[in-house]
Protein backbone atom coordinates (compact mmCIF):
# COMPACT_ATOMS: atom_id res chain seq x y z
CA UNK A 1 28.69 -153.29 115.04
CA UNK A 2 32.02 -154.29 113.49
CA UNK A 3 33.50 -157.69 114.05
CA UNK A 4 36.03 -158.42 116.21
CA UNK A 5 39.37 -160.16 116.03
CA UNK A 6 38.41 -162.45 118.91
CA UNK A 7 34.80 -163.22 117.43
CA UNK A 8 36.48 -164.31 114.51
CA UNK A 9 39.32 -166.53 116.17
CA UNK A 10 36.09 -167.98 118.46
CA UNK A 11 34.21 -169.08 115.35
CA UNK A 12 37.23 -170.26 113.88
CA UNK A 13 38.37 -172.51 116.88
CA UNK A 14 34.54 -173.42 117.16
CA UNK A 15 34.41 -174.71 113.33
CA UNK A 16 37.44 -177.19 113.84
CA UNK A 17 35.26 -179.25 116.08
CA UNK A 18 32.54 -179.74 113.01
CA UNK A 19 32.50 -181.84 110.02
CA UNK A 20 28.95 -181.56 109.07
CA UNK A 21 26.33 -179.01 109.10
CA UNK A 22 22.59 -178.95 108.72
CA UNK A 23 22.01 -175.95 106.48
CA UNK A 24 18.32 -174.42 106.42
CA UNK A 25 17.11 -172.80 103.50
CA UNK A 26 13.72 -171.19 102.51
CA UNK A 27 11.63 -173.10 99.61
CA UNK A 28 9.59 -171.33 97.32
CA UNK A 29 6.55 -171.65 99.23
CA UNK A 30 8.35 -170.49 102.69
CA UNK A 31 8.74 -173.69 104.11
CA UNK A 32 12.10 -174.13 106.07
CA UNK A 33 14.05 -177.30 104.65
CA UNK A 34 17.36 -178.52 106.65
CA UNK A 35 19.98 -180.25 104.25
CA UNK A 36 22.91 -182.44 105.96
CA UNK A 37 26.36 -180.99 104.26
CA UNK A 38 29.56 -181.97 104.63
CA UNK A 39 32.00 -178.90 105.40
CA UNK A 40 34.86 -178.97 102.87
CA UNK A 41 36.37 -175.52 104.03
CA UNK A 42 36.25 -172.75 106.59
CA UNK A 43 37.86 -169.77 105.84
CA UNK A 44 39.76 -167.51 108.57
CA UNK A 45 36.77 -164.75 107.65
CA UNK A 46 34.03 -167.38 108.77
CA UNK A 47 33.12 -168.00 105.06
CA UNK A 48 32.08 -171.84 104.44
CA UNK A 49 32.30 -174.18 101.17
CA UNK A 50 30.19 -177.15 100.63
CA UNK A 51 29.94 -179.47 97.31
CA UNK A 52 26.40 -180.02 96.06
CA UNK A 53 24.80 -181.64 93.36
CA UNK A 54 23.27 -178.53 90.60
CA UNK A 55 20.15 -179.97 90.84
CA UNK A 56 19.79 -180.50 94.61
CA UNK A 57 16.57 -178.08 96.53
CA UNK A 58 19.24 -176.53 98.62
CA UNK A 59 20.86 -174.46 94.97
CA UNK A 60 17.36 -174.03 94.19
CA UNK A 61 16.24 -172.06 97.47
CA UNK A 62 19.57 -170.43 97.47
CA UNK A 63 19.27 -169.00 93.90
CA UNK A 64 15.92 -167.67 95.12
CA UNK A 65 16.90 -166.50 98.77
CA UNK A 66 20.15 -166.43 99.78
CA UNK A 67 19.52 -166.48 103.61
CA UNK A 68 20.36 -169.60 105.32
CA UNK A 69 20.82 -171.08 108.77
CA UNK A 70 23.60 -173.70 109.82
CA UNK A 71 23.40 -175.56 113.04
CA UNK A 72 26.27 -177.80 114.14
CA UNK A 73 26.65 -180.33 116.79
CA UNK A 74 29.29 -182.20 118.49
CA UNK A 75 30.21 -183.77 122.19
CA UNK A 76 29.18 -180.77 124.42
CA UNK A 77 29.13 -178.23 121.67
CA UNK A 78 26.44 -176.30 119.39
CA UNK A 79 26.66 -173.75 117.24
CA UNK A 80 24.10 -171.82 115.01
CA UNK A 81 24.90 -169.37 112.20
CA UNK A 82 23.35 -167.26 109.99
CA UNK A 83 24.49 -165.89 106.86
CA UNK A 84 24.01 -165.57 103.19
CA UNK A 85 24.68 -168.17 100.77
CA UNK A 86 25.54 -168.34 96.98
CA UNK A 87 26.11 -170.94 94.10
CA UNK A 88 29.63 -170.97 92.92
CA UNK A 89 30.50 -172.26 89.62
CA UNK A 90 34.57 -172.19 89.95
CA UNK A 91 35.99 -175.55 88.49
CA UNK A 92 39.37 -174.78 90.21
CA UNK A 93 38.13 -174.28 93.61
CA UNK A 94 35.88 -177.22 93.17
CA UNK A 95 39.22 -179.24 92.33
CA UNK A 96 41.06 -177.68 95.19
CA UNK A 97 38.49 -178.80 97.67
CA UNK A 98 37.92 -182.43 96.24
CA UNK A 99 38.50 -185.50 98.04
CA UNK A 100 37.77 -189.30 97.38
CA UNK A 101 34.95 -189.05 99.98
CA UNK A 102 33.06 -186.37 97.49
CA UNK A 103 33.52 -189.15 95.03
CA UNK A 104 30.85 -191.45 96.68
CA UNK A 105 28.38 -188.75 95.72
CA UNK A 106 29.83 -187.41 92.60
CA UNK A 107 31.81 -190.30 91.07
CA UNK A 108 32.19 -188.60 87.85
CA UNK A 109 34.84 -186.38 89.26
CA UNK A 110 34.74 -182.28 89.90
CA UNK A 111 34.64 -181.89 86.04
CA UNK A 112 31.43 -183.53 85.71
CA UNK A 113 28.35 -181.78 84.93
CA UNK A 114 25.96 -181.71 87.96
CA UNK A 115 28.24 -180.64 90.68
CA UNK A 116 29.04 -177.14 92.03
CA UNK A 117 29.70 -175.09 95.30
CA UNK A 118 27.89 -173.50 97.94
CA UNK A 119 29.70 -170.70 99.86
CA UNK A 120 28.29 -169.49 102.91
CA UNK A 121 29.22 -165.84 104.28
CA UNK A 122 28.71 -166.18 108.04
CA UNK A 123 26.90 -162.97 109.47
CA UNK A 124 25.87 -163.70 112.84
CA UNK A 125 26.08 -166.64 115.05
CA UNK A 126 25.63 -168.23 118.45
CA UNK A 127 27.26 -170.89 120.46
CA UNK A 128 26.63 -173.33 123.51
CA UNK A 129 29.55 -175.18 125.42
CA UNK A 130 29.10 -177.42 128.03
CA UNK A 131 32.33 -177.88 130.33
CA UNK A 132 33.37 -181.07 130.26
CA UNK A 133 31.62 -182.32 127.18
CA UNK A 134 29.28 -185.23 127.33
CA UNK A 135 29.93 -186.83 130.41
CA UNK A 136 30.01 -183.54 132.48
CA UNK A 137 26.58 -182.47 131.06
CA UNK A 138 24.92 -186.28 131.98
CA UNK A 139 26.34 -185.61 135.44
CA UNK A 140 24.83 -182.33 135.40
CA UNK A 141 21.33 -183.62 134.28
CA UNK A 142 21.23 -186.33 136.99
CA UNK A 143 22.16 -184.45 139.42
CA UNK A 144 19.67 -181.68 138.71
CA UNK A 145 17.06 -184.58 138.59
CA UNK A 146 18.05 -185.54 141.93
CA UNK A 147 18.52 -182.06 143.36
CA UNK A 148 15.63 -180.52 141.65
CA UNK A 149 18.35 -177.54 140.89
CA UNK A 150 18.27 -176.39 137.20
CA UNK A 151 21.66 -177.88 135.70
CA UNK A 152 24.47 -174.95 135.40
CA UNK A 153 25.18 -174.18 131.81
CA UNK A 154 28.37 -173.56 130.41
CA UNK A 155 29.47 -171.28 127.84
CA UNK A 156 27.29 -169.18 125.66
CA UNK A 157 28.22 -166.56 123.37
CA UNK A 158 27.07 -164.65 120.46
CA UNK A 159 28.55 -163.06 117.61
CA UNK A 160 28.45 -160.61 114.97
CA UNK A 161 30.53 -160.87 111.99
CA UNK A 162 28.77 -157.87 109.82
CA UNK A 163 30.56 -154.68 109.04
């Protein structure tokens, strides 16, 4: 199934809401590990960029198994993505994405050893959104508790960006 422009548009609109992701990788023994990472850039085709330490377990895991899961959460919106990650040693791209907030983790700058990029190409995903955000969700849960009715769901959609 080929992705549609509307699926990419929806994904790009959703990704604007999130600054942080939990990136789940698979260790050598098969265990799943979630890593909190800051989204440095999202590309219009669904690719995401992260700055990571070269010796981070996420880098080791991705080099062995590129399949990753990403989860995002914010006020009334949840997003889950599946994709393939790769470690990218590209100094020009690293400098382009560099910011003062990254320096807190890597004080020696983008040219120092020990820092690299992780690029995730999104393949599939699903999102959930509650109409009205956190307050509306809280009201719906309280109403559900009082009435015994299940809370009404908000938006839910899946998308496939594979060609």
